Amino acid sequence: MNQSLLENAIQSLITSKDSGLNIADLGCGVGNVPLGLVSFLVEIMQKKSKELLKLDNNDDQVPQLQIYMNDLPSNDFNSLFKEMMNLDVLKKKDDDGVPLCFLMGAPGSYYDRLFPNKSLHLVHANYSLHWLSKVPPRIYDDQRMSINKGNIYISETSPAKVGRIYRDQFEQDFTLFLKSRSKEVIANGCMLLTLRGRPSSTNPLTWTTFEFKIFTKTLASLVSEGLIKEEKLDTFDFPCYCATKEQLESIAKKEGSFEVETSKTMVVDVAPEIEDKWERAQVITKIIRAFSESLVSSHFGEDISTLLYDKLVHFANQHLVDDQLAQNHAVTVLLRKK
């Protein structure tokens, strides 16, 4: 969560005490991340309210905050809202008994329309938009055979057209996202989007994340041991894409509904505070498991899934022993509705 950018965006949207905010968190998931976001948003609104009260002591009205939590219907919304209701900030009310935040669920795909026209002031999406709407269909030929054999994503051994196919799918999806939000976000409203990306200097036809390198080695070892059929591996592909900030800017400019106010790429080391390589490898494995387990279990079965992650930690450890980097790249863009 880019707290400074988020706070500045909110500050720019609240100009008076009756400037209530409707905020949507897209691809919210469950756990500490959405909990932290809601707490931070309420904190910023309270801070802004105090500033406005100082300007006009004769009026104790404060801006009201409504947050929509969005994810696919398969998300565990029951657990999410149960955890939310335990937040201290959501238990508090103002002097008139009004909650500091109105919280609502909005299940559905963020590649489709989710909200009424001109109903949102701010859209927030944190590490969700790198997920594609689907595996690019052109990865498979007319016989449903993969053209990216032995790989689960773009890699150094992928045919050049694989990288272009993933790029095209991302551009199509991100354009749909922008078109949908362009109807829902008010004029001068904001979108703060952070997603897994890649450095601008990298080759889009061969670059891959360190997690996918480890993941691919683990799957290959299971194939060599006869635990997974090669044909089964060749039909497993991750529906995601790591874009550069320049790509995001270009797509936004072409779609035309939003101005790019800020864009940046940050390098994020994974668990650098852990000196013990085996312990750090376990953390890396947990992170990989969190975003991949549902896909792995669905495609290979739960037994293979358990075996895969038990083995993956050893490959993650070897990655660190070989002094290879364990880094991610986060791309953030702040867009303003025209």
Foldseek 3Di string as FASTA:
>chain_A
DPLVVVLVQVVVQDDAFQSAFEEEEEQQAADDRNLVVVVSVLVSQVVVLVVRCVVPVPDNRHHAYEYEYEDAPPGPVVRRVVVNCPDPQQVDDDPVRHRSYHYYYFHDHLLAATDAFAAHQEYEYAADLQFFPDAQPVLADPVRFGQQFLAQAAAQPHDQVRLVSLLVRSLVSVLSNVVNVLRHHHAQGKYKYKHFADEPPDDSRHDDAPLRVLLSVLVVVCCVVVNDPSRLVRNHYGRGGHHYQVSVQVSCVVSPFWHWPDKDKDKAAQPPVDPDLLVSLLSSLVVSCVVPVVSCCVRPNPVVSVVSSVSSSVSSSVCVVVVHGNITMMMIIMITGD
